[in-house]
Protein backbone atom coordinates (compact mmCIF):
# COMPACT_ATOMS: atom_id res chain seq x y z
CA UNK A 1 0.11 -0.04 0.25
CA UNK A 2 1.31 3.62 -0.82
CA UNK A 3 1.95 6.09 1.88
CA UNK A 4 -1.08 8.00 2.87
CA UNK A 5 -1.28 11.53 1.18
CA UNK A 6 0.00 14.24 3.79
CA UNK A 7 -1.01 17.89 3.69
CA UNK A 8 0.80 20.61 5.56
CA UNK A 9 0.53 24.28 5.89
CA UNK A 10 2.10 26.83 8.33
CA UNK A 11 -0.49 29.27 9.65
CA UNK A 12 0.32 32.75 10.87
CA UNK A 13 -2.35 32.15 13.94
CA UNK A 14 -2.27 30.33 17.52
CA UNK A 15 -3.51 26.76 17.67
CA UNK A 16 -6.28 28.64 19.55
CA UNK A 17 -7.43 30.34 16.62
CA UNK A 18 -7.04 27.44 14.01
CA UNK A 19 -8.37 24.70 16.21
CA UNK A 20 -12.40 25.56 15.88
CA UNK A 21 -11.84 25.62 12.35
CA UNK A 22 -10.41 22.30 12.16
CA UNK A 23 -12.12 20.37 15.05
CA UNK A 24 -15.75 21.47 14.25
CA UNK A 25 -17.10 19.52 11.48
CA UNK A 26 -19.70 21.98 11.17
CA UNK A 27 -17.15 24.80 10.56
CA UNK A 28 -15.10 22.60 7.88
CA UNK A 29 -17.12 23.69 5.01
CA UNK A 30 -16.08 27.46 5.73
CA UNK A 31 -12.56 26.40 4.21
CA UNK A 32 -13.72 23.55 1.83
CA UNK A 33 -13.04 24.55 -1.79
CA UNK A 34 -16.28 22.37 -2.64
CA UNK A 35 -19.70 22.54 -0.61
CA UNK A 36 -19.75 20.36 2.34
CA UNK A 37 -22.13 20.17 5.11
CA UNK A 38 -22.59 18.04 8.27
CA UNK A 39 -25.34 16.62 9.82
CA UNK A 40 -25.26 15.05 13.45
CA UNK A 41 -26.66 11.60 14.08
CA UNK A 42 -26.15 10.95 17.72
CA UNK A 43 -23.95 12.18 20.34
CA UNK A 44 -22.59 15.94 21.17
CA UNK A 45 -21.39 17.65 18.01
CA UNK A 46 -17.35 16.90 17.69
CA UNK A 47 -17.28 14.75 20.69
CA UNK A 48 -15.51 11.29 20.58
CA UNK A 49 -18.00 8.41 19.63
CA UNK A 50 -20.46 10.98 18.05
CA UNK A 51 -21.74 10.06 14.45
CA UNK A 52 -22.44 12.47 11.67
CA UNK A 53 -23.40 12.41 8.10
CA UNK A 54 -21.30 14.21 5.63
CA UNK A 55 -22.44 15.49 2.28
CA UNK A 56 -19.56 16.44 0.07
CA UNK A 57 -18.06 16.52 -3.42
CA UNK A 58 -16.15 13.58 -4.87
CA UNK A 59 -15.08 13.12 -8.61
CA UNK A 60 -18.71 12.28 -10.63
CA UNK A 61 -20.75 12.91 -7.43
CA UNK A 62 -21.29 16.48 -6.34
CA UNK A 63 -23.24 15.35 -3.37
CA UNK A 64 -21.85 12.34 -2.08
CA UNK A 65 -23.20 11.13 1.19
CA UNK A 66 -20.77 9.30 3.96
CA UNK A 67 -21.40 8.47 7.59
CA UNK A 68 -18.85 8.82 10.15
CA UNK A 69 -17.70 8.56 13.55
CA UNK A 70 -15.38 11.00 15.87
CA UNK A 71 -12.63 9.03 16.84
CA UNK A 72 -9.83 11.56 18.40
CA UNK A 73 -10.74 14.90 19.71
CA UNK A 74 -7.49 16.13 21.93
CA UNK A 75 -8.11 19.83 22.11
CA UNK A 76 -5.63 22.05 20.42
CA UNK A 77 -3.74 18.99 19.22
CA UNK A 78 -5.57 15.94 17.32
CA UNK A 79 -8.73 15.86 15.51
CA UNK A 80 -9.54 12.77 13.64
CA UNK A 81 -12.72 11.24 12.09
CA UNK A 82 -13.41 7.99 10.07
CA UNK A 83 -16.13 8.04 7.34
CA UNK A 84 -17.45 5.42 5.30
CA UNK A 85 -19.84 4.98 2.32
CA UNK A 86 -21.30 1.68 0.96
CA UNK A 87 -17.72 1.00 -0.64
CA UNK A 88 -14.89 2.14 1.69
CA UNK A 89 -13.83 3.52 5.11
CA UNK A 90 -11.33 6.75 5.02
CA UNK A 91 -9.74 8.50 8.09
CA UNK A 92 -8.76 12.03 8.35
CA UNK A 93 -6.34 13.03 10.93
CA UNK A 94 -5.81 16.69 11.79
CA UNK A 95 -2.66 17.58 13.90
CA UNK A 96 -1.74 20.86 15.14
CA UNK A 97 1.60 21.79 16.20
CA UNK A 98 2.38 25.26 17.62
CA UNK A 99 5.39 27.13 16.22
CA UNK A 100 6.23 30.35 17.86
CA UNK A 101 2.98 32.53 17.45
CA UNK A 102 1.98 30.29 14.57
CA UNK A 103 0.80 26.73 13.90
CA UNK A 104 1.32 23.72 11.59
CA UNK A 105 -1.75 22.14 10.60
CA UNK A 106 -0.94 18.57 9.14
CA UNK A 107 -3.67 16.33 7.32
CA UNK A 108 -3.44 12.79 6.70
CA UNK A 109 -5.61 10.62 4.77
CA UNK A 110 -5.73 7.26 5.40
CA UNK A 111 -7.35 5.22 2.73
CA UNK A 112 -8.42 1.73 2.38
CA UNK A 113 -6.05 -0.80 1.15
CA UNK A 114 -6.03 -1.60 -2.32
CA UNK A 115 -3.50 -3.33 -4.48
CA UNK A 116 -2.83 -3.65 -8.49
CA UNK A 117 -4.91 -1.88 -10.46
CA UNK A 118 -7.32 -0.62 -7.95
CA UNK A 119 -4.45 0.99 -6.00
CA UNK A 120 -2.93 2.83 -9.38
CA UNK A 121 -6.43 4.06 -10.04
CA UNK A 122 -7.11 5.47 -6.96
CA UNK A 123 -3.70 7.16 -6.85
CA UNK A 124 -4.53 8.70 -10.35
CA UNK A 125 -7.79 10.02 -9.11
CA UNK A 126 -5.97 11.52 -6.08
CA UNK A 127 -3.21 13.17 -8.44
CA UNK A 128 -5.55 14.70 -11.09
CA UNK A 129 -8.93 15.45 -8.93
CA UNK A 130 -8.17 15.13 -5.15
CA UNK A 131 -4.69 16.53 -4.39
CA UNK A 132 -5.34 20.18 -5.65
CA UNK A 133 -8.39 20.38 -3.94
CA UNK A 134 -6.74 19.36 -0.66
CA UNK A 135 -4.07 21.88 -1.04
CA UNK A 136 -6.71 24.45 -1.81
CA UNK A 137 -8.57 23.80 1.23
CA UNK A 138 -5.65 23.79 3.38
CA UNK A 139 -4.96 27.34 1.94
CA UNK A 140 -8.34 28.32 2.75
CA UNK A 141 -8.00 27.01 6.14
CA UNK A 142 -4.95 29.25 6.28
CA UNK A 143 -6.57 32.41 4.88
CA UNK A 144 -9.57 31.93 7.27
CA UNK A 145 -7.47 31.47 10.55
CA UNK A 146 -5.32 34.40 9.80
CA UNK A 147 -8.68 36.43 9.17
CA UNK A 148 -8.05 37.38 5.45
CA UNK A 149 -11.31 35.60 4.11
């Protein structure tokens, strides 16, 4: 299996200003390059164990529905969710690292294991459709946290 995609950005804002944008699924749509929204199914919003439904963009599906659970919520440090549709399960982890007066945000996408042609196809789809959007989203997060959006 290929290494999971990792996206990192330096933000000129302290972790306490970045954290609410990253660790509140309801606010992630504010810095998503494509429409994205969340509906809570059970539990307290953003709390470990709470379940949700997300509706967002995927190639060839502008209203893709996934269901998920909050796996980790270590305030100002790590926020992680696992989502699934009828085909696959994905995990998105955000890690915040203070750097002076700023914050480094690292997003890691853990994808389901695939081999052979399916693995190559997924890598190609990520390269063509997803990586640019992930980088743009991280840039939009930076702008939002720095108060420039």
